Amino acid sequence: MTRVLVTGGSGFIGRHVVRALTDEGHGVVVVDRVEHPDASTVTGELEDVATRDRAVTADIGAIVHLAAETSVLGSVERPEKVHRVNVDVTAALLELARRRGVATFVMASTNAVVGGFDGTFTEQVPLRPLTPYGATKAAAEMLVSGYAGAYGLRAPILRLTNVYGPGMKDKDSFVPRMLKAAARDAGVQVYGDGLQRRDLVHVDDVARAFAMALSPDWPSGPTIIGSGASVSVLDMLEAARHSTGRAIPAEHVPAKKGEMPAVVVDTSRARALGWTPSVSLPAGLATAWADFAPAPTVR
């Protein structure tokens, strides 16, 4: 057991990761803009030197780095901001980890580092991002790899597919947009024809992967974490209709620039390390819907 610093630990994925680490017996410290309800928290902006200095203390044995600007479309509008948060902050945390003897640095990444690859994503596919978001995460991966090579830092990188589940009310990805529309008995916009394919992985499965990555048996470098079963956006919409019991009409609008046409992943490496997804899409959508469903009317 070790003392773990979780950056972004008060966020959607972070809360689940903190719970998984705590359940494993680790001592957890969170650094985030807002206080975590169940963990010791260093509050502040990670872009601030003082916040990082207060967070990475001498007793920290591992850092789980989740904090990031994650909006793909937002990165096109704010590339400088995304670079500061996703690249500069990662570099600064790695340097603090080196100076203070942190043994393990686990980073959350994305298959957007690969971009518009026409085939099944593996960890060996060359990096070729299509957006500033993907580019900054690719740059962060290279920084982590460099510190692992030069200083012996154990540095697993988890490339996540589309993460969903409870706690998404403040997110703006397609799953919460569908569920918000269902709660309002409204429709949702679908970019293009809706045949683009996505891999959805439940946040509980993701949290378990981060907990496992703290083990010395989990190697440095990228590992894809996903369901391994891609579905089209239209299939996602149909699954949401089934889980919510709502019509959720679709309005097709022009596709956005930089959107990946298909995400089909090979999770063989993660499975060889003992991780397998356990939550099906229908069951997972039901857990997410519980946060959005209107309260029953009392008569």
Protein backbone atom coordinates (compact mmCIF):
# COMPACT_ATOMS: atom_id res chain seq x y z
CA MET A 1 0.00 0.00 0.00
CA THR A 2 1.25 3.49 -0.77
CA ARG A 3 0.24 7.13 -0.48
CA VAL A 4 -1.21 8.21 -3.82
CA LEU A 5 -1.77 11.71 -5.18
CA VAL A 6 -4.71 11.84 -7.60
CA THR A 7 -4.80 14.94 -9.78
CA GLY A 8 -8.34 15.83 -10.83
CA GLY A 9 -9.59 13.48 -8.13
CA SER A 10 -12.81 15.45 -7.57
CA GLY A 11 -13.90 15.02 -11.19
CA PHE A 12 -16.06 12.42 -12.90
CA ILE A 13 -13.41 9.72 -13.36
CA GLY A 14 -11.40 10.92 -10.38
CA ARG A 15 -14.07 10.21 -7.78
CA HIS A 16 -14.37 6.63 -8.96
CA VAL A 17 -10.58 6.21 -9.02
CA VAL A 18 -10.27 7.60 -5.48
CA ARG A 19 -12.89 5.13 -4.26
CA ALA A 20 -11.14 2.22 -5.99
CA LEU A 21 -7.76 3.16 -4.51
CA THR A 22 -9.23 3.64 -1.04
CA ASP A 23 -10.95 0.26 -1.27
CA GLU A 24 -7.53 -1.26 -2.08
CA GLY A 25 -6.14 0.24 1.12
CA HIS A 26 -4.09 3.09 -0.34
CA GLY A 27 -3.85 6.44 1.37
CA VAL A 28 -5.20 9.01 -1.10
CA VAL A 29 -4.62 12.75 -1.47
CA VAL A 30 -6.52 14.71 -4.12
CA VAL A 31 -5.41 17.89 -5.85
CA ASP A 32 -8.26 19.65 -7.64
CA ARG A 33 -10.09 22.94 -7.96
CA VAL A 34 -12.81 21.72 -5.61
CA GLU A 35 -12.77 19.77 -2.35
CA HIS A 36 -13.25 16.02 -2.56
CA PRO A 37 -16.03 14.94 -0.16
CA ASP A 38 -14.21 11.86 1.12
CA ALA A 39 -10.48 12.49 0.69
CA SER A 40 -7.84 14.92 1.88
CA THR A 41 -7.67 17.65 -0.76
CA VAL A 42 -5.15 20.24 -1.89
CA THR A 43 -7.37 22.83 -3.54
CA GLY A 44 -6.08 25.06 -6.31
CA GLU A 45 -5.10 25.25 -9.96
CA LEU A 46 -2.41 22.82 -11.07
CA GLU A 47 -1.08 25.55 -13.35
CA ASP A 48 0.07 27.32 -10.15
CA VAL A 49 3.53 26.40 -8.89
CA ALA A 50 2.43 26.73 -5.25
CA THR A 51 -0.46 24.29 -5.70
CA ARG A 52 1.81 21.66 -7.23
CA ASP A 53 4.40 22.19 -4.51
CA ARG A 54 1.80 21.64 -1.77
CA ALA A 55 0.46 18.53 -3.50
CA VAL A 56 3.62 16.57 -4.34
CA THR A 57 5.01 16.03 -0.85
CA ALA A 58 7.85 13.78 0.28
CA ASP A 59 5.49 11.02 1.45
CA ILE A 60 3.83 10.55 -1.95
CA GLY A 61 4.75 7.20 -3.47
CA ALA A 62 2.66 7.41 -6.66
CA ILE A 63 0.86 10.00 -8.76
CA VAL A 64 -2.27 9.19 -10.75
CA HIS A 65 -2.52 12.05 -13.23
CA LEU A 66 -6.12 12.52 -14.40
CA ALA A 67 -6.39 16.32 -14.52
CA ALA A 68 -6.63 17.60 -18.09
CA GLU A 69 -8.55 19.70 -20.56
CA THR A 70 -10.51 16.94 -22.28
CA SER A 71 -12.85 18.65 -24.75
CA VAL A 72 -11.84 17.83 -28.31
CA LEU A 73 -13.91 20.63 -29.83
CA GLY A 74 -12.86 22.99 -27.03
CA SER A 75 -9.22 22.32 -27.84
CA VAL A 76 -9.77 23.60 -31.37
CA GLU A 77 -11.12 26.85 -29.91
CA ARG A 78 -8.56 27.16 -27.05
CA PRO A 79 -5.32 25.44 -28.13
CA GLU A 80 -3.02 27.53 -25.91
CA LYS A 81 -5.06 26.76 -22.79
CA VAL A 82 -5.10 23.06 -23.60
CA HIS A 83 -1.33 23.04 -24.11
CA ARG A 84 -0.71 24.73 -20.75
CA VAL A 85 -2.87 22.25 -18.85
CA ASN A 86 -2.11 19.04 -20.71
CA VAL A 87 1.58 19.52 -21.53
CA ASP A 88 3.12 22.14 -19.24
CA VAL A 89 1.41 20.87 -16.08
CA THR A 90 2.37 17.26 -16.90
CA ALA A 91 6.00 18.30 -17.40
CA ALA A 92 6.02 20.17 -14.09
CA LEU A 93 4.50 17.22 -12.19
CA LEU A 94 7.03 14.83 -13.69
CA GLU A 95 9.88 17.07 -12.61
CA LEU A 96 8.50 17.27 -9.08
CA ALA A 97 8.13 13.48 -9.08
CA ARG A 98 11.81 13.16 -10.09
CA ARG A 99 13.03 15.59 -7.48
CA ARG A 100 10.97 14.11 -4.64
CA GLY A 101 11.53 10.46 -5.36
CA VAL A 102 8.02 9.46 -6.48
CA ALA A 103 8.35 5.91 -7.79
CA THR A 104 5.24 5.62 -10.00
CA PHE A 105 3.44 8.02 -12.34
CA VAL A 106 0.22 6.72 -13.92
CA MET A 107 -1.22 8.97 -16.63
CA ALA A 108 -4.67 9.05 -18.21
CA SER A 109 -4.40 9.34 -21.98
CA THR A 110 -6.65 8.76 -24.97
CA ASN A 111 -6.80 7.03 -28.32
CA ALA A 112 -7.09 10.51 -29.85
CA VAL A 113 -3.27 10.44 -29.86
CA VAL A 114 -3.56 8.12 -32.85
CA GLY A 115 -6.12 10.21 -34.75
CA GLY A 116 -7.92 9.00 -37.83
CA PHE A 117 -6.36 5.56 -38.06
CA ASP A 118 -8.25 3.28 -40.44
CA GLY A 119 -8.19 -0.01 -38.59
CA THR A 120 -8.05 -1.53 -35.13
CA PHE A 121 -6.18 0.58 -32.59
CA THR A 122 -3.32 -1.16 -30.82
CA GLU A 123 -0.57 0.30 -28.67
CA GLN A 124 1.79 -0.02 -31.66
CA VAL A 125 -0.13 2.31 -34.02
CA PRO A 126 1.99 5.44 -34.72
CA LEU A 127 0.88 8.70 -33.11
CA ARG A 128 -0.87 11.04 -35.53
CA PRO A 129 -3.36 13.26 -33.68
CA LEU A 130 -5.98 15.27 -35.57
CA THR A 131 -6.73 17.95 -32.95
CA PRO A 132 -4.85 20.06 -30.39
CA TYR A 133 -6.35 17.83 -27.67
CA GLY A 134 -4.89 14.68 -29.22
CA ALA A 135 -1.60 16.44 -29.86
CA THR A 136 -1.22 17.60 -26.26
CA LYS A 137 -1.95 14.13 -24.91
CA ALA A 138 0.58 12.66 -27.35
CA ALA A 139 3.15 15.21 -26.16
CA ALA A 140 2.38 14.31 -22.54
CA GLU A 141 2.85 10.62 -23.33
CA MET A 142 6.29 11.40 -24.78
CA LEU A 143 7.24 13.37 -21.67
CA VAL A 144 6.20 10.49 -19.42
CA SER A 145 8.14 8.05 -21.60
CA GLY A 146 11.22 10.27 -21.45
CA TYR A 147 11.17 10.44 -17.66
CA ALA A 148 10.67 6.68 -17.44
CA GLY A 149 13.66 6.09 -19.70
CA ALA A 150 16.00 8.66 -18.17
CA TYR A 151 15.16 8.37 -14.47
CA GLY A 152 13.68 4.91 -13.96
CA LEU A 153 10.21 6.23 -13.16
CA ARG A 154 7.59 3.48 -13.52
CA ALA A 155 5.09 5.14 -15.81
CA PRO A 156 1.99 3.27 -17.00
CA ILE A 157 -0.14 5.23 -19.49
CA LEU A 158 -3.81 4.22 -19.78
CA ARG A 159 -5.33 5.17 -23.13
CA LEU A 160 -9.02 5.42 -22.37
CA THR A 161 -11.83 5.12 -24.87
CA ASN A 162 -15.15 6.94 -24.23
CA VAL A 163 -15.74 6.72 -20.47
CA TYR A 164 -19.31 6.87 -19.14
CA GLY A 165 -21.26 6.06 -16.00
CA PRO A 166 -22.59 7.70 -12.82
CA GLY A 167 -21.44 11.24 -12.10
CA MET A 168 -21.62 12.66 -15.64
CA LYS A 169 -24.15 15.44 -15.11
CA ASP A 170 -21.56 18.17 -15.66
CA LYS A 171 -19.97 16.54 -18.72
CA ASP A 172 -20.71 17.40 -22.35
CA SER A 173 -19.91 14.18 -24.19
CA PHE A 174 -22.54 12.33 -26.20
CA VAL A 175 -23.78 10.03 -23.41
CA PRO A 176 -24.74 12.85 -20.99
CA ARG A 177 -26.20 14.87 -23.89
CA MET A 178 -28.49 11.93 -24.68
CA LEU A 179 -29.49 11.46 -21.05
CA LYS A 180 -30.12 15.18 -20.50
CA ALA A 181 -32.33 15.17 -23.59
CA ALA A 182 -34.19 12.11 -22.28
CA ALA A 183 -34.81 13.81 -18.94
CA ARG A 184 -36.34 16.81 -20.76
CA ASP A 185 -38.26 14.66 -23.27
CA ALA A 186 -36.23 16.48 -25.93
CA GLY A 187 -34.07 15.48 -28.87
CA VAL A 188 -30.31 15.35 -29.39
CA GLN A 189 -28.02 16.45 -32.22
CA VAL A 190 -26.13 13.73 -34.09
CA TYR A 191 -23.07 14.80 -36.06
CA GLY A 192 -23.13 13.58 -39.66
CA ASP A 193 -24.88 10.30 -40.44
CA GLY A 194 -24.34 8.84 -36.97
CA LEU A 195 -22.54 5.78 -38.33
CA GLN A 196 -19.21 6.76 -36.77
CA ARG A 197 -18.20 4.07 -34.27
CA ARG A 198 -17.17 4.52 -30.67
CA ASP A 199 -15.93 2.26 -27.88
CA LEU A 200 -17.65 2.96 -24.55
CA VAL A 201 -16.11 1.78 -21.29
CA HIS A 202 -17.79 2.09 -17.89
CA VAL A 203 -16.10 4.31 -15.31
CA ASP A 204 -16.06 1.50 -12.72
CA ASP A 205 -13.97 -0.61 -15.09
CA VAL A 206 -11.67 2.36 -15.72
CA ALA A 207 -11.21 2.98 -11.99
CA ARG A 208 -10.27 -0.66 -11.50
CA ALA A 209 -7.65 -0.34 -14.26
CA PHE A 210 -6.00 2.62 -12.51
CA ALA A 211 -5.92 0.71 -9.23
CA MET A 212 -4.31 -2.26 -10.98
CA ALA A 213 -1.77 -0.01 -12.73
CA LEU A 214 -0.28 0.90 -9.33
CA SER A 215 0.95 -2.68 -9.01
CA PRO A 216 4.64 -3.19 -9.85
CA ASP A 217 3.49 -5.93 -12.24
CA TRP A 218 1.84 -3.36 -14.52
CA PRO A 219 4.46 -2.16 -17.05
CA SER A 220 5.34 1.35 -18.16
CA GLY A 221 4.06 2.59 -21.49
CA PRO A 222 0.62 2.74 -23.08
CA THR A 223 -2.17 0.25 -22.48
CA ILE A 224 -5.59 0.63 -24.12
CA ILE A 225 -8.54 0.50 -21.72
CA GLY A 226 -11.86 0.03 -23.49
CA SER A 227 -14.74 -2.37 -23.88
CA GLY A 228 -13.34 -3.84 -27.09
CA ALA A 229 -16.84 -3.69 -28.64
CA SER A 230 -17.46 -0.61 -30.77
CA VAL A 231 -20.96 0.64 -31.55
CA SER A 232 -22.23 3.36 -33.87
CA VAL A 233 -23.58 6.64 -32.53
CA LEU A 234 -27.02 5.57 -33.74
CA ASP A 235 -26.64 2.30 -31.80
CA MET A 236 -25.71 4.32 -28.70
CA LEU A 237 -28.84 6.38 -29.17
CA GLU A 238 -31.00 3.28 -29.49
CA ALA A 239 -29.44 1.82 -26.33
CA ALA A 240 -30.17 5.07 -24.47
CA ARG A 241 -33.79 4.97 -25.64
CA HIS A 242 -34.08 1.45 -24.26
CA SER A 243 -32.43 2.33 -20.91
CA THR A 244 -34.46 5.50 -20.36
CA GLY A 245 -37.77 4.56 -21.95
CA ARG A 246 -37.73 7.92 -23.79
CA ALA A 247 -37.98 8.63 -27.53
CA ILE A 248 -34.91 10.93 -27.79
CA PRO A 249 -35.42 12.14 -31.39
CA ALA A 250 -32.25 12.66 -33.44
CA GLU A 251 -31.47 15.85 -35.40
CA HIS A 252 -28.63 15.25 -37.86
CA VAL A 253 -26.24 18.20 -38.19
CA PRO A 254 -22.98 18.59 -40.16
CA ALA A 255 -20.04 16.61 -38.85
CA LYS A 256 -17.40 18.48 -36.84
CA LYS A 257 -13.87 18.91 -38.14
CA GLY A 258 -11.35 16.60 -36.48
CA GLU A 259 -13.92 14.05 -35.34
CA MET A 260 -12.61 10.50 -35.58
CA PRO A 261 -14.71 8.36 -37.97
CA ALA A 262 -14.23 5.14 -36.03
CA VAL A 263 -12.66 3.95 -32.78
CA VAL A 264 -12.12 0.20 -32.76
CA VAL A 265 -9.64 -0.95 -30.13
CA ASP A 266 -7.72 -4.09 -29.28
CA THR A 267 -7.61 -4.59 -25.50
CA SER A 268 -5.35 -7.67 -25.61
CA ARG A 269 -2.55 -6.04 -23.64
CA ALA A 270 -4.84 -5.01 -20.77
CA ARG A 271 -6.45 -8.45 -20.71
CA ALA A 272 -3.02 -10.11 -20.58
CA LEU A 273 -2.32 -7.98 -17.49
CA GLY A 274 -5.48 -9.32 -15.83
CA TRP A 275 -7.91 -6.47 -16.57
CA THR A 276 -11.20 -7.15 -18.36
CA PRO A 277 -14.28 -4.92 -18.68
CA SER A 278 -17.21 -6.16 -16.60
CA VAL A 279 -20.07 -3.69 -17.22
CA SER A 280 -22.21 -4.10 -20.34
CA LEU A 281 -23.48 -1.06 -22.25
CA PRO A 282 -27.18 -1.53 -21.29
CA ALA A 283 -26.31 -2.03 -17.62
CA GLY A 284 -23.86 0.87 -17.69
CA LEU A 285 -26.32 3.28 -19.28
CA ALA A 286 -28.84 2.37 -16.60
CA THR A 287 -26.36 3.39 -13.88
CA ALA A 288 -25.72 6.70 -15.64
CA TRP A 289 -29.45 7.38 -16.21
CA ALA A 290 -30.08 7.25 -12.45
CA ASP A 291 -28.38 10.68 -12.14
CA PHE A 292 -30.58 12.26 -14.81
CA ALA A 293 -33.98 10.62 -14.41
CA PRO A 294 -36.65 13.01 -13.12
CA ALA A 295 -37.86 12.27 -9.62
CA PRO A 296 -41.23 10.45 -9.60
CA THR A 297 -44.23 12.67 -9.01
CA VAL A 298 -45.77 12.25 -5.54
CA ARG A 299 -49.54 12.37 -5.58
